[in-house]
Amino acid sequence: MAISTSCNRPEPVQHSGLSGRTQTARSTKADALPYGGISELFLTERSPELSLLLMPLLAHLSRDDCRWITWIGPSRANRQLLEAYGVDIRRVRFVTTKGDDQRWMLWEALRAGTSHTVIADGSALSEEDLAYLDQAAQKGNSRALLIRRQ
């Protein structure tokens, strides 16, 4: 299977705000507005295995944008498993962390805007943490996918 290296680079879109000034926003295939924000995936004991839910999504996202997918956690994902699901691993970077470093790295990756999607375990995050992370995602025009186990 050949892997395309072309990007769906967001195009600048001109629009006028209420003030009448012209502003530039980034458009995606889905719409013409920036897409910063946080999504959470809650897993229970009866949930399907994480790879069945996450890998097809990662395969799609690895071809969705010219920026990285950043996976933050205590260990790296299995490279062979990612490739088997069609994930373009050249577009995924792994950041290994310990303890509270994950919270800071997640915030930094979202705020920097070099990743369109940042994936991490969100089980230890508080509501205050989520508010700070949401602000960082908006600033970096990035998305967070937080996985929580219940």
Protein backbone atom coordinates (compact mmCIF):
# COMPACT_ATOMS: atom_id res chain seq x y z
CA MET A 1 0.00 0.00 0.00
CA ALA A 2 1.45 3.36 -1.02
CA ILE A 3 1.39 6.15 1.53
CA SER A 4 0.56 9.61 0.28
CA THR A 5 2.75 12.37 1.63
CA SER A 6 0.53 15.24 0.47
CA CYS A 7 -1.01 17.46 3.12
CA ASN A 8 -4.43 18.93 3.49
CA ARG A 9 -2.90 22.23 4.49
CA PRO A 10 -5.50 24.63 5.88
CA GLU A 11 -6.05 27.62 3.61
CA PRO A 12 -6.40 31.14 5.03
CA VAL A 13 -9.97 32.39 4.83
CA GLN A 14 -10.85 36.07 5.02
CA HIS A 15 -13.95 36.97 7.00
CA SER A 16 -15.28 40.11 8.64
CA GLY A 17 -16.04 40.16 12.33
CA LEU A 18 -18.65 42.33 14.00
CA SER A 19 -16.18 45.21 14.05
CA GLY A 20 -16.00 45.15 10.24
CA ARG A 21 -12.27 44.39 10.30
CA THR A 22 -11.06 41.59 8.10
CA GLN A 23 -9.58 38.69 10.03
CA THR A 24 -7.68 35.64 8.84
CA ALA A 25 -8.69 32.20 10.11
CA ARG A 26 -7.51 28.73 9.16
CA SER A 27 -9.97 26.54 7.31
CA THR A 28 -10.15 22.79 7.40
CA LYS A 29 -12.07 20.44 5.16
CA ALA A 30 -14.90 20.40 7.70
CA ASP A 31 -15.36 24.15 8.14
CA ALA A 32 -13.64 27.51 7.98
CA LEU A 33 -13.13 28.02 11.71
CA PRO A 34 -10.09 27.14 13.85
CA TYR A 35 -10.44 23.82 15.67
CA GLY A 36 -8.76 24.01 19.04
CA GLY A 37 -10.31 22.04 21.88
CA ILE A 38 -10.43 18.93 24.03
CA SER A 39 -12.18 15.61 23.45
CA GLU A 40 -12.32 12.85 26.02
CA LEU A 41 -12.68 9.12 25.48
CA PHE A 42 -14.00 7.31 28.56
CA LEU A 43 -13.26 3.60 28.78
CA THR A 44 -14.78 1.15 31.24
CA GLU A 45 -13.97 -2.47 31.95
CA ARG A 46 -16.54 -3.44 29.32
CA SER A 47 -15.16 -1.09 26.65
CA PRO A 48 -13.59 -2.61 23.56
CA GLU A 49 -9.85 -2.76 23.56
CA LEU A 50 -8.34 0.68 23.12
CA SER A 51 -6.59 -0.25 19.87
CA LEU A 52 -9.94 -1.10 18.24
CA LEU A 53 -11.19 2.41 18.97
CA LEU A 54 -8.08 4.51 18.64
CA MET A 55 -6.05 3.02 15.78
CA PRO A 56 -8.52 3.67 12.94
CA LEU A 57 -8.88 7.23 14.21
CA LEU A 58 -5.09 7.65 14.28
CA ALA A 59 -4.82 6.27 10.75
CA HIS A 60 -7.24 8.93 9.55
CA LEU A 61 -5.64 11.73 11.56
CA SER A 62 -2.15 10.83 10.33
CA ARG A 63 -3.28 11.92 6.86
CA ASP A 64 -5.49 14.84 7.94
CA ASP A 65 -3.08 17.73 8.39
CA CYS A 66 0.53 18.75 7.81
CA ARG A 67 1.23 18.91 11.53
CA TRP A 68 2.13 16.13 13.94
CA ILE A 69 0.08 13.80 16.06
CA THR A 70 1.82 13.79 19.44
CA TRP A 71 1.36 10.80 21.74
CA ILE A 72 2.31 11.61 25.35
CA GLY A 73 2.62 8.88 27.95
CA PRO A 74 4.84 6.70 30.09
CA SER A 75 5.67 4.40 27.16
CA ARG A 76 5.64 4.38 23.37
CA ALA A 77 2.91 2.71 21.35
CA ASN A 78 3.75 -0.43 19.41
CA ARG A 79 5.10 0.64 16.00
CA GLN A 80 4.03 -2.59 14.26
CA LEU A 81 0.49 -2.24 15.61
CA LEU A 82 0.27 1.35 14.34
CA GLU A 83 1.50 0.35 10.89
CA ALA A 84 -0.91 -2.62 10.78
CA TYR A 85 -3.82 -0.20 11.22
CA GLY A 86 -2.52 2.09 8.46
CA VAL A 87 -1.13 4.85 10.67
CA ASP A 88 1.53 6.92 8.89
CA ILE A 89 4.08 6.68 11.70
CA ARG A 90 6.23 9.36 10.07
CA ARG A 91 3.54 11.80 11.27
CA VAL A 92 3.39 10.58 14.88
CA ARG A 93 5.86 11.64 17.54
CA PHE A 94 6.10 9.96 20.89
CA VAL A 95 6.92 11.86 24.07
CA THR A 96 7.59 9.68 27.10
CA THR A 97 6.93 11.26 30.48
CA LYS A 98 6.73 10.40 34.14
CA GLY A 99 4.28 11.72 36.75
CA ASP A 100 3.35 15.39 36.57
CA ASP A 101 5.61 15.94 33.55
CA GLN A 102 2.77 14.65 31.38
CA ARG A 103 0.48 17.55 32.34
CA TRP A 104 3.14 20.11 31.45
CA MET A 105 4.11 18.36 28.20
CA LEU A 106 0.45 18.11 27.17
CA TRP A 107 -0.05 21.82 27.79
CA GLU A 108 3.15 22.71 25.93
CA ALA A 109 2.33 20.51 22.90
CA LEU A 110 -1.16 22.01 22.61
CA ARG A 111 0.01 25.60 23.02
CA ALA A 112 2.89 25.28 20.54
CA GLY A 113 0.54 24.40 17.70
CA THR A 114 3.01 22.06 15.98
CA SER A 115 0.61 19.14 16.50
CA HIS A 116 -2.93 19.07 15.19
CA THR A 117 -3.81 16.35 17.74
CA VAL A 118 -2.20 15.53 21.08
CA ILE A 119 -3.14 12.21 22.70
CA ALA A 120 -2.59 11.49 26.39
CA ASP A 121 -4.06 9.75 29.43
CA GLY A 122 -6.37 12.25 31.07
CA SER A 123 -7.29 10.20 34.14
CA ALA A 124 -5.38 12.37 36.61
CA LEU A 125 -6.49 15.76 35.23
CA SER A 126 -8.69 18.08 37.27
CA GLU A 127 -11.35 20.46 35.95
CA GLU A 128 -8.85 23.30 36.44
CA ASP A 129 -6.27 21.38 34.37
CA LEU A 130 -8.85 20.89 31.62
CA ALA A 131 -9.58 24.62 31.54
CA TYR A 132 -5.86 25.45 31.15
CA LEU A 133 -5.46 22.76 28.50
CA ASP A 134 -8.48 24.05 26.59
CA GLN A 135 -6.96 27.54 26.53
CA ALA A 136 -3.66 26.10 25.28
CA ALA A 137 -5.48 24.14 22.57
CA GLN A 138 -7.31 27.25 21.41
CA LYS A 139 -4.06 29.24 21.29
CA GLY A 140 -2.24 26.51 19.34
CA ASN A 141 -5.22 25.64 17.13
CA SER A 142 -4.69 22.05 18.31
CA ARG A 143 -6.91 19.27 19.59
CA ALA A 144 -6.39 17.11 22.65
CA LEU A 145 -7.71 13.56 22.80
CA LEU A 146 -7.69 12.53 26.45
CA ILE A 147 -8.22 8.89 27.31
CA ARG A 148 -9.79 8.21 30.68
CA ARG A 149 -10.28 4.81 32.25
CA GLN A 150 -13.15 4.37 34.70
